[in-house]
Amino acid sequence: MQLTIITINLNNRDGLRRTMESVVSQTCQDFEYVVIDGGSTDGSREVILEHQERLAYWCSEPDRGIYNAMNKGVAHATGDYCLFLNSGDYLYNKDVVKEVLPELDGRYDIVYGRINLEDSNGHIISPKERFNHVVNSIKMISENESVPHQSSFIKTCLLSNNPYDESYRIMADKKFLVECYFKQNCMFHYIPKVISVFKLGGISYTETSIVKTEFNRINDALFPKRLVEDICLLDSELLFLWSQIPNSYRFRKLLLHLLAYLIKLYNLLNGFLNYYHQQKQCQRP
């Protein structure tokens, strides 16, 4: 089994219905589906029962919060990768699983795509692609930037060996991804597809003070203070320089490609020089 889709829910019956319907209506059903409900009292259990025959596992019982429920879902996952699609969010179209499965071949630790946003009026917003391998190291430290979990296919073994930190209320998934990126040197792979639609208005948008506190807590726990300060300063300087570049999409895209090629060229030359120096040392009498 390549994929496990996990949905957690608490008293969000209508959102849960929309989420589950987007999953069970996929044209490719080669995945398992796990639903973890926190003991809802609004009729969510009845929604789960409507699709019970399609579920590999489900429960409706009290838990200790969002990340306890997500860890509980991982414990019942047998797929190589997990996708968290929590109640209210939904897959972009009926072919998402069919299109993504070929990418889940084990070469990468985290495969991620794009998300669209849905506001309170039902309007769909397509945000610009912000997370890329040119600036992600800076943005993950200086700003609350990360790969959205609604579009991230994460190796189950990673989640099992490094469960979400349940002492966080909102940002444990961000902490997990930062640790994967910086401490474990995990391989991330981007696919240019919209995977899911994220419903705005959840706890991460309403509890902004908690988000800020936990974001700072992540940086304090994982990085030296001086590094964070320098990265934030660098980010502001880069933002200023970027604002001075002519506001042409094609020009800026060309500039980013040029920067990426320069970085690759630097790494290539650096590798060649290291090899050259090693050979010189071996030739010494």
C-alpha atoms as a PDB file:
ATOM      1  CA  MET A   1       0.000   0.000   0.000  1.00  0.00           C
ATOM      2  CA  GLN A   2       1.527   3.321  -1.092  1.00  0.00           C
ATOM      3  CA  LEU A   3      -0.779   5.842   0.551  1.00  0.00           C
ATOM      4  CA  THR A   4      -2.820   6.388   3.693  1.00  0.00           C
ATOM      5  CA  ILE A   5      -5.115   9.416   3.844  1.00  0.00           C
ATOM      6  CA  ILE A   6      -5.895  10.527   7.395  1.00  0.00           C
ATOM      7  CA  THR A   7      -8.747  12.834   8.422  1.00  0.00           C
ATOM      8  CA  ILE A   8      -9.187  14.135  11.964  1.00  0.00           C
ATOM      9  CA  ASN A   9     -12.357  15.838  13.116  1.00  0.00           C
ATOM     10  CA  LEU A  10     -14.113  17.338  16.110  1.00  0.00           C
ATOM     11  CA  ASN A  11     -17.684  18.648  15.860  1.00  0.00           C
ATOM     12  CA  ASN A  12     -17.366  19.731  12.229  1.00  0.00           C
ATOM     13  CA  ARG A  13     -20.029  17.527  10.638  1.00  0.00           C
ATOM     14  CA  ASP A  14     -20.520  19.497   7.420  1.00  0.00           C
ATOM     15  CA  GLY A  15     -16.797  19.960   6.895  1.00  0.00           C
ATOM     16  CA  LEU A  16     -16.192  16.281   7.557  1.00  0.00           C
ATOM     17  CA  ARG A  17     -18.825  15.295   5.007  1.00  0.00           C
ATOM     18  CA  ARG A  18     -17.206  17.460   2.342  1.00  0.00           C
ATOM     19  CA  THR A  19     -13.753  16.078   3.137  1.00  0.00           C
ATOM     20  CA  MET A  20     -14.822  12.447   3.116  1.00  0.00           C
ATOM     21  CA  GLU A  21     -16.826  12.788  -0.081  1.00  0.00           C
ATOM     22  CA  SER A  22     -13.780  14.244  -1.864  1.00  0.00           C
ATOM     23  CA  VAL A  23     -11.737  11.233  -0.758  1.00  0.00           C
ATOM     24  CA  VAL A  24     -14.180   8.387  -1.433  1.00  0.00           C
ATOM     25  CA  SER A  25     -15.042   9.821  -4.877  1.00  0.00           C
ATOM     26  CA  GLN A  26     -11.467   9.562  -6.187  1.00  0.00           C
ATOM     27  CA  THR A  27     -11.161   7.831  -9.553  1.00  0.00           C
ATOM     28  CA  CYS A  28      -8.236   5.830  -8.153  1.00  0.00           C
ATOM     29  CA  GLN A  29      -9.083   4.016  -4.932  1.00  0.00           C
ATOM     30  CA  ASP A  30      -5.654   2.422  -4.417  1.00  0.00           C
ATOM     31  CA  PHE A  31      -5.176   3.864  -0.922  1.00  0.00           C
ATOM     32  CA  GLU A  32      -6.456   3.336   2.587  1.00  0.00           C
ATOM     33  CA  TYR A  33      -8.539   5.854   4.503  1.00  0.00           C
ATOM     34  CA  VAL A  34      -8.344   6.469   8.268  1.00  0.00           C
ATOM     35  CA  VAL A  35     -10.705   8.798  10.166  1.00  0.00           C
ATOM     36  CA  ILE A  36     -10.059   9.895  13.752  1.00  0.00           C
ATOM     37  CA  ASP A  37     -12.942  11.700  15.444  1.00  0.00           C
ATOM     38  CA  GLY A  38     -12.537  13.264  18.873  1.00  0.00           C
ATOM     39  CA  GLY A  39     -15.867  12.106  20.236  1.00  0.00           C
ATOM     40  CA  SER A  40     -18.043  14.617  18.363  1.00  0.00           C
ATOM     41  CA  THR A  41     -21.612  15.262  19.472  1.00  0.00           C
ATOM     42  CA  ASP A  42     -22.875  17.073  16.356  1.00  0.00           C
ATOM     43  CA  GLY A  43     -23.673  14.105  14.115  1.00  0.00           C
ATOM     44  CA  SER A  44     -20.146  13.590  12.776  1.00  0.00           C
ATOM     45  CA  ARG A  45     -20.254   9.942  13.823  1.00  0.00           C
ATOM     46  CA  GLU A  46     -23.244   9.376  11.551  1.00  0.00           C
ATOM     47  CA  VAL A  47     -21.327  10.911   8.622  1.00  0.00           C
ATOM     48  CA  ILE A  48     -18.455   8.480   9.266  1.00  0.00           C
ATOM     49  CA  LEU A  49     -20.855   5.549   9.345  1.00  0.00           C
ATOM     50  CA  GLU A  50     -22.193   6.522   5.905  1.00  0.00           C
ATOM     51  CA  HIS A  51     -18.762   5.638   4.459  1.00  0.00           C
ATOM     52  CA  GLN A  52     -17.754   2.980   6.957  1.00  0.00           C
ATOM     53  CA  GLU A  53     -17.224   0.313   4.303  1.00  0.00           C
ATOM     54  CA  ARG A  54     -14.491   2.443   2.668  1.00  0.00           C
ATOM     55  CA  LEU A  55     -12.523   2.980   5.882  1.00  0.00           C
ATOM     56  CA  ALA A  56      -9.509   0.945   6.920  1.00  0.00           C
ATOM     57  CA  TYR A  57      -9.924   2.259  10.463  1.00  0.00           C
ATOM     58  CA  TRP A  58     -12.017   4.807  12.293  1.00  0.00           C
ATOM     59  CA  CYS A  59     -12.826   5.777  15.862  1.00  0.00           C
ATOM     60  CA  SER A  60     -14.887   8.357  17.710  1.00  0.00           C
ATOM     61  CA  GLU A  61     -13.481   8.945  21.169  1.00  0.00           C
ATOM     62  CA  PRO A  62     -12.020  11.802  23.222  1.00  0.00           C
ATOM     63  CA  ASP A  63      -8.413  12.728  22.487  1.00  0.00           C
ATOM     64  CA  ARG A  64      -5.859  15.225  23.758  1.00  0.00           C
ATOM     65  CA  GLY A  65      -5.954  17.640  20.839  1.00  0.00           C
ATOM     66  CA  ILE A  66      -5.135  18.005  17.143  1.00  0.00           C
ATOM     67  CA  TYR A  67      -1.712  16.382  17.175  1.00  0.00           C
ATOM     68  CA  ASN A  68      -2.707  13.563  19.486  1.00  0.00           C
ATOM     69  CA  ALA A  69      -5.409  12.721  16.938  1.00  0.00           C
ATOM     70  CA  MET A  70      -2.936  12.958  14.050  1.00  0.00           C
ATOM     71  CA  ASN A  71      -0.441  10.702  15.851  1.00  0.00           C
ATOM     72  CA  LYS A  72      -3.283   8.272  16.519  1.00  0.00           C
ATOM     73  CA  GLY A  73      -4.028   8.210  12.788  1.00  0.00           C
ATOM     74  CA  VAL A  74      -0.378   7.461  11.952  1.00  0.00           C
ATOM     75  CA  ALA A  75      -0.424   4.550  14.400  1.00  0.00           C
ATOM     76  CA  HIS A  76      -3.101   2.889  12.235  1.00  0.00           C
ATOM     77  CA  ALA A  77      -1.512   3.733   8.860  1.00  0.00           C
ATOM     78  CA  THR A  78      -0.005   0.955   6.744  1.00  0.00           C
ATOM     79  CA  GLY A  79       0.741   3.034   3.635  1.00  0.00           C
ATOM     80  CA  ASP A  80       4.275   4.107   2.729  1.00  0.00           C
ATOM     81  CA  TYR A  81       3.161   7.757   2.755  1.00  0.00           C
ATOM     82  CA  CYS A  82       0.548   9.674   4.720  1.00  0.00           C
ATOM     83  CA  LEU A  83      -1.548  12.659   3.652  1.00  0.00           C
ATOM     84  CA  PHE A  84      -3.389  14.602   6.354  1.00  0.00           C
ATOM     85  CA  LEU A  85      -6.639  16.001   5.016  1.00  0.00           C
ATOM     86  CA  ASN A  86      -8.469  17.281   8.065  1.00  0.00           C
ATOM     87  CA  SER A  87     -12.191  18.010   8.214  1.00  0.00           C
ATOM     88  CA  GLY A  88     -13.171  21.028   6.134  1.00  0.00           C
ATOM     89  CA  ASP A  89     -10.313  20.604   3.650  1.00  0.00           C
ATOM     90  CA  TYR A  90     -10.877  18.609   0.482  1.00  0.00           C
ATOM     91  CA  LEU A  91      -9.026  17.165  -2.495  1.00  0.00           C
ATOM     92  CA  TYR A  92      -8.875  19.508  -5.478  1.00  0.00           C
ATOM     93  CA  ASN A  93     -10.476  17.116  -7.969  1.00  0.00           C
ATOM     94  CA  LYS A  94     -11.304  13.438  -8.451  1.00  0.00           C
ATOM     95  CA  ASP A  95      -7.972  12.608 -10.109  1.00  0.00           C
ATOM     96  CA  VAL A  96      -5.575  13.847  -7.415  1.00  0.00           C
ATOM     97  CA  VAL A  97      -4.659  10.397  -6.079  1.00  0.00           C
ATOM     98  CA  LYS A  98      -4.345   8.959  -9.596  1.00  0.00           C
ATOM     99  CA  GLU A  99      -1.934  11.738 -10.603  1.00  0.00           C
ATOM    100  CA  VAL A 100       0.169  11.676  -7.419  1.00  0.00           C
ATOM    101  CA  LEU A 101       0.664   7.949  -6.808  1.00  0.00           C
ATOM    102  CA  PRO A 102       3.430   7.591  -9.466  1.00  0.00           C
ATOM    103  CA  GLU A 103       5.451  10.197  -7.537  1.00  0.00           C
ATOM    104  CA  LEU A 104       5.308   8.164  -4.301  1.00  0.00           C
ATOM    105  CA  ASP A 105       8.022   5.712  -5.321  1.00  0.00           C
ATOM    106  CA  GLY A 106      10.181   6.022  -2.213  1.00  0.00           C
ATOM    107  CA  ARG A 107      12.875   8.256  -3.665  1.00  0.00           C
ATOM    108  CA  TYR A 108      11.771  11.246  -1.616  1.00  0.00           C
ATOM    109  CA  ASP A 109      10.858  11.635   2.038  1.00  0.00           C
ATOM    110  CA  ILE A 110       8.260  14.341   1.476  1.00  0.00           C
ATOM    111  CA  VAL A 111       6.418  14.944  -1.789  1.00  0.00           C
ATOM    112  CA  TYR A 112       4.360  18.116  -1.835  1.00  0.00           C
ATOM    113  CA  GLY A 113       2.213  20.140  -4.193  1.00  0.00           C
ATOM    114  CA  ARG A 114       0.120  23.272  -4.098  1.00  0.00           C
ATOM    115  CA  ILE A 115      -3.028  24.235  -2.226  1.00  0.00           C
ATOM    116  CA  ASN A 116      -5.866  26.573  -3.036  1.00  0.00           C
ATOM    117  CA  LEU A 117      -7.612  28.538  -0.302  1.00  0.00           C
ATOM    118  CA  GLU A 118     -11.341  28.917   0.272  1.00  0.00           C
ATOM    119  CA  ASP A 119     -12.609  31.953   2.181  1.00  0.00           C
ATOM    120  CA  SER A 120     -15.732  32.210   4.326  1.00  0.00           C
ATOM    121  CA  ASN A 121     -17.791  33.205   1.262  1.00  0.00           C
ATOM    122  CA  GLY A 122     -16.759  30.114  -0.684  1.00  0.00           C
ATOM    123  CA  HIS A 123     -14.411  32.030  -2.994  1.00  0.00           C
ATOM    124  CA  ILE A 124     -11.351  30.103  -4.142  1.00  0.00           C
ATOM    125  CA  ILE A 125      -7.970  31.818  -3.943  1.00  0.00           C
ATOM    126  CA  SER A 126      -4.890  30.478  -5.726  1.00  0.00           C
ATOM    127  CA  PRO A 127      -1.880  31.753  -3.769  1.00  0.00           C
ATOM    128  CA  LYS A 128       1.462  32.252  -5.445  1.00  0.00           C
ATOM    129  CA  GLU A 129       4.017  29.502  -4.994  1.00  0.00           C
ATOM    130  CA  ARG A 130       6.018  30.741  -2.035  1.00  0.00           C
ATOM    131  CA  PHE A 131       7.942  27.698  -0.850  1.00  0.00           C
ATOM    132  CA  ASN A 132      10.809  26.855  -3.166  1.00  0.00           C
ATOM    133  CA  HIS A 133      14.340  25.567  -2.814  1.00  0.00           C
ATOM    134  CA  VAL A 134      15.964  28.964  -3.416  1.00  0.00           C
ATOM    135  CA  VAL A 135      14.520  30.799  -0.430  1.00  0.00           C
ATOM    136  CA  ASN A 136      12.906  28.134   1.770  1.00  0.00           C
ATOM    137  CA  SER A 137      15.772  27.912   4.269  1.00  0.00           C
ATOM    138  CA  ILE A 138      15.412  31.610   5.013  1.00  0.00           C
ATOM    139  CA  LYS A 139      11.619  31.735   5.049  1.00  0.00           C
ATOM    140  CA  MET A 140      11.243  28.732   7.350  1.00  0.00           C
ATOM    141  CA  ILE A 141      13.261  30.555  10.025  1.00  0.00           C
ATOM    142  CA  SER A 142      12.392  34.217   9.466  1.00  0.00           C
ATOM    143  CA  GLU A 143       8.693  33.796   8.654  1.00  0.00           C
ATOM    144  CA  ASN A 144       5.917  31.294   9.233  1.00  0.00           C
ATOM    145  CA  GLU A 145       6.557  29.632   5.871  1.00  0.00           C
ATOM    146  CA  SER A 146       6.430  25.899   5.362  1.00  0.00           C
ATOM    147  CA  VAL A 147       5.055  23.138   3.208  1.00  0.00           C
ATOM    148  CA  PRO A 148       1.267  22.916   3.773  1.00  0.00           C
ATOM    149  CA  HIS A 149       0.395  19.572   5.341  1.00  0.00           C
ATOM    150  CA  GLN A 150      -2.827  19.427   3.255  1.00  0.00           C
ATOM    151  CA  SER A 151      -0.679  18.907   0.157  1.00  0.00           C
ATOM    152  CA  SER A 152       2.227  16.951   1.679  1.00  0.00           C
ATOM    153  CA  PHE A 153       2.754  13.228   1.289  1.00  0.00           C
ATOM    154  CA  ILE A 154       5.075  12.271   4.146  1.00  0.00           C
ATOM    155  CA  LYS A 155       6.822   8.938   4.589  1.00  0.00           C
ATOM    156  CA  THR A 156       4.994   7.062   7.317  1.00  0.00           C
ATOM    157  CA  CYS A 157       8.249   5.883   8.877  1.00  0.00           C
ATOM    158  CA  LEU A 158       9.239   9.517   9.441  1.00  0.00           C
ATOM    159  CA  LEU A 159       5.965  10.209  11.236  1.00  0.00           C
ATOM    160  CA  SER A 160       6.232   7.008  13.278  1.00  0.00           C
ATOM    161  CA  ASN A 161       9.816   7.661  14.370  1.00  0.00           C
ATOM    162  CA  ASN A 162       9.236  11.374  14.984  1.00  0.00           C
ATOM    163  CA  PRO A 163       5.629  11.823  16.126  1.00  0.00           C
ATOM    164  CA  TYR A 164       4.124  15.280  16.300  1.00  0.00           C
ATOM    165  CA  ASP A 165       5.043  17.133  19.489  1.00  0.00           C
ATOM    166  CA  GLU A 166       1.741  17.188  21.370  1.00  0.00           C
ATOM    167  CA  SER A 167       2.894  20.013  23.638  1.00  0.00           C
ATOM    168  CA  TYR A 168       2.145  22.345  20.683  1.00  0.00           C
ATOM    169  CA  ARG A 169      -1.463  23.326  20.022  1.00  0.00           C
ATOM    170  CA  ILE A 170      -1.111  24.651  16.468  1.00  0.00           C
ATOM    171  CA  MET A 171       2.457  24.481  15.144  1.00  0.00           C
ATOM    172  CA  ALA A 172       3.623  20.904  15.731  1.00  0.00           C
ATOM    173  CA  ASP A 173       3.370  20.128  12.008  1.00  0.00           C
ATOM    174  CA  LYS A 174       5.601  23.139  11.268  1.00  0.00           C
ATOM    175  CA  LYS A 175       8.110  21.961  13.900  1.00  0.00           C
ATOM    176  CA  PHE A 176       8.093  18.494  12.366  1.00  0.00           C
ATOM    177  CA  LEU A 177       8.815  19.828   8.853  1.00  0.00           C
ATOM    178  CA  VAL A 178      11.567  22.190  10.072  1.00  0.00           C
ATOM    179  CA  GLU A 179      13.256  19.294  11.859  1.00  0.00           C
ATOM    180  CA  CYS A 180      12.935  17.135   8.732  1.00  0.00           C
ATOM    181  CA  TYR A 181      14.474  19.855   6.591  1.00  0.00           C
ATOM    182  CA  PHE A 182      17.318  21.082   8.799  1.00  0.00           C
ATOM    183  CA  LYS A 183      18.135  18.267  11.248  1.00  0.00           C
ATOM    184  CA  GLN A 184      17.379  15.113   9.269  1.00  0.00           C
ATOM    185  CA  ASN A 185      18.289  16.422   5.810  1.00  0.00           C
ATOM    186  CA  CYS A 186      15.150  14.876   4.332  1.00  0.00           C
ATOM    187  CA  MET A 187      14.602  14.933   0.595  1.00  0.00           C
ATOM    188  CA  PHE A 188      11.708  17.195  -0.448  1.00  0.00           C
ATOM    189  CA  HIS A 189      10.180  16.915  -3.916  1.00  0.00           C
ATOM    190  CA  TYR A 190       7.787  19.476  -5.407  1.00  0.00           C
ATOM    191  CA  ILE A 191       5.131  18.538  -7.946  1.00  0.00           C
ATOM    192  CA  PRO A 192       3.408  21.430  -9.766  1.00  0.00           C
ATOM    193  CA  LYS A 193      -0.151  20.275  -9.057  1.00  0.00           C
ATOM    194  CA  VAL A 194      -2.905  21.601  -6.829  1.00  0.00           C
ATOM    195  CA  ILE A 195      -3.511  18.820  -4.317  1.00  0.00           C
ATOM    196  CA  SER A 196      -6.169  20.200  -2.014  1.00  0.00           C
ATOM    197  CA  VAL A 197      -8.296  23.158  -0.981  1.00  0.00           C
ATOM    198  CA  PHE A 198      -7.713  24.558   2.495  1.00  0.00           C
ATOM    199  CA  LYS A 199     -10.696  26.089   4.261  1.00  0.00           C
ATOM    200  CA  LEU A 200      -9.673  29.388   5.878  1.00  0.00           C
ATOM    201  CA  GLY A 201     -10.851  30.282   9.358  1.00  0.00           C
ATOM    202  CA  GLY A 202      -9.377  27.414  11.367  1.00  0.00           C
ATOM    203  CA  ILE A 203      -7.515  27.668  14.647  1.00  0.00           C
ATOM    204  CA  SER A 204      -4.269  28.763  12.970  1.00  0.00           C
ATOM    205  CA  TYR A 205      -6.069  31.870  11.679  1.00  0.00           C
ATOM    206  CA  THR A 206      -8.104  32.702  14.779  1.00  0.00           C
ATOM    207  CA  GLU A 207      -5.411  32.096  17.423  1.00  0.00           C
ATOM    208  CA  THR A 208      -2.680  34.297  15.944  1.00  0.00           C
ATOM    209  CA  SER A 209      -1.020  35.003  19.307  1.00  0.00           C
ATOM    210  CA  ILE A 210      -0.547  31.268  19.909  1.00  0.00           C
ATOM    211  CA  VAL A 211       0.842  30.861  16.385  1.00  0.00           C
ATOM    212  CA  LYS A 212       3.435  33.580  17.011  1.00  0.00           C
ATOM    213  CA  THR A 213       4.390  32.191  20.423  1.00  0.00           C
ATOM    214  CA  GLU A 214       4.807  28.659  19.117  1.00  0.00           C
ATOM    215  CA  PHE A 215       6.693  29.843  16.026  1.00  0.00           C
ATOM    216  CA  ASN A 216       9.215  31.621  18.272  1.00  0.00           C
ATOM    217  CA  ARG A 217       9.365  28.542  20.483  1.00  0.00           C
ATOM    218  CA  ILE A 218      10.330  26.399  17.481  1.00  0.00           C
ATOM    219  CA  ASN A 219      13.177  28.737  16.569  1.00  0.00           C
ATOM    220  CA  ASP A 220      14.372  28.900  20.183  1.00  0.00           C
ATOM    221  CA  ALA A 221      14.382  25.122  20.420  1.00  0.00           C
ATOM    222  CA  LEU A 222      16.106  24.381  17.115  1.00  0.00           C
ATOM    223  CA  PHE A 223      18.411  27.280  16.243  1.00  0.00           C
ATOM    224  CA  PRO A 224      20.965  29.528  17.982  1.00  0.00           C
ATOM    225  CA  LYS A 225      19.554  32.981  18.713  1.00  0.00           C
ATOM    226  CA  ARG A 226      22.293  34.731  16.711  1.00  0.00           C
ATOM    227  CA  LEU A 227      21.503  32.626  13.635  1.00  0.00           C
ATOM    228  CA  VAL A 228      17.803  33.519  13.787  1.00  0.00           C
ATOM    229  CA  GLU A 229      18.630  37.233  14.139  1.00  0.00           C
ATOM    230  CA  ASP A 230      21.046  37.135  11.193  1.00  0.00           C
ATOM    231  CA  ILE A 231      18.599  35.203   9.017  1.00  0.00           C
ATOM    232  CA  CYS A 232      15.822  37.700   9.777  1.00  0.00           C
ATOM    233  CA  LEU A 233      18.172  40.563   8.871  1.00  0.00           C
ATOM    234  CA  LEU A 234      19.207  38.832   5.657  1.00  0.00           C
ATOM    235  CA  ASP A 235      15.572  38.224   4.782  1.00  0.00           C
ATOM    236  CA  SER A 236      14.705  41.906   5.172  1.00  0.00           C
ATOM    237  CA  GLU A 237      17.716  42.931   3.059  1.00  0.00           C
ATOM    238  CA  LEU A 238      16.798  40.439   0.322  1.00  0.00           C
ATOM    239  CA  LEU A 239      13.222  41.717   0.381  1.00  0.00           C
ATOM    240  CA  PHE A 240      14.495  45.270  -0.113  1.00  0.00           C
ATOM    241  CA  LEU A 241      16.753  44.238  -3.000  1.00  0.00           C
ATOM    242  CA  TRP A 242      13.890  42.288  -4.567  1.00  0.00           C
ATOM    243  CA  SER A 243      11.691  45.401  -4.433  1.00  0.00           C
ATOM    244  CA  GLN A 244      14.294  47.286  -6.476  1.00  0.00           C
ATOM    245  CA  ILE A 245      14.115  44.797  -9.347  1.00  0.00           C
ATOM    246  CA  PRO A 246      11.735  45.791 -12.164  1.00  0.00           C
ATOM    247  CA  ASN A 247       8.270  44.422 -11.406  1.00  0.00           C
ATOM    248  CA  SER A 248       8.140  42.068 -14.358  1.00  0.00           C
ATOM    249  CA  TYR A 249       7.074  38.466 -13.738  1.00  0.00           C
ATOM    250  CA  ARG A 250       9.170  37.116 -16.611  1.00  0.00           C
ATOM    251  CA  PHE A 251      12.254  39.094 -15.559  1.00  0.00           C
ATOM    252  CA  ARG A 252      12.000  37.995 -11.939  1.00  0.00           C
ATOM    253  CA  LYS A 253      11.413  34.376 -12.921  1.00  0.00           C
ATOM    254  CA  LEU A 254      14.456  34.528 -15.200  1.00  0.00           C
ATOM    255  CA  LEU A 255      16.485  35.994 -12.339  1.00  0.00           C
ATOM    256  CA  LEU A 256      15.459  33.180  -9.990  1.00  0.00           C
ATOM    257  CA  HIS A 257      16.402  30.571 -12.592  1.00  0.00           C
ATOM    258  CA  LEU A 258      19.758  32.302 -13.062  1.00  0.00           C
ATOM    259  CA  LEU A 259      20.350  32.281  -9.313  1.00  0.00           C
ATOM    260  CA  ALA A 260      19.492  28.583  -9.128  1.00  0.00           C
ATOM    261  CA  TYR A 261      21.933  27.789 -11.949  1.00  0.00           C
ATOM    262  CA  LEU A 262      24.662  29.854 -10.262  1.00  0.00           C
ATOM    263  CA  ILE A 263      24.156  27.887  -7.068  1.00  0.00           C
ATOM    264  CA  LYS A 264      24.393  24.611  -9.005  1.00  0.00           C
ATOM    265  CA  LEU A 265      27.529  25.859 -10.790  1.00  0.00           C
ATOM    266  CA  TYR A 266      29.082  26.852  -7.471  1.00  0.00           C
ATOM    267  CA  ASN A 267      28.374  23.405  -6.007  1.00  0.00           C
ATOM    268  CA  LEU A 268      29.800  21.739  -9.114  1.00  0.00           C
ATOM    269  CA  LEU A 269      32.999  23.805  -9.031  1.00  0.00           C
ATOM    270  CA  ASN A 270      33.343  23.326  -5.289  1.00  0.00           C
ATOM    271  CA  GLY A 271      33.042  19.562  -5.725  1.00  0.00           C
ATOM    272  CA  PHE A 272      35.629  19.619  -8.507  1.00  0.00           C
ATOM    273  CA  LEU A 273      38.078  21.646  -6.389  1.00  0.00           C
ATOM    274  CA  ASN A 274      37.648  19.312  -3.432  1.00  0.00           C
ATOM    275  CA  TYR A 275      38.314  16.330  -5.692  1.00  0.00           C
ATOM    276  CA  TYR A 276      41.377  18.077  -7.170  1.00  0.00           C
ATOM    277  CA  HIS A 277      42.842  18.806  -3.728  1.00  0.00           C
ATOM    278  CA  GLN A 278      42.226  15.214  -2.610  1.00  0.00           C
ATOM    279  CA  GLN A 279      44.081  13.910  -5.674  1.00  0.00           C
ATOM    280  CA  LYS A 280      46.977  16.294  -5.041  1.00  0.00           C
ATOM    281  CA  GLN A 281      47.274  15.075  -1.468  1.00  0.00           C
ATOM    282  CA  CYS A 282      47.251  11.453  -2.602  1.00  0.00           C
ATOM    283  CA  GLN A 283      50.107  12.171  -5.046  1.00  0.00           C
ATOM    284  CA  ARG A 284      52.362  13.637  -2.342  1.00  0.00           C
ATOM    285  CA  PRO A 285      55.381  11.392  -1.574  1.00  0.00           C
END
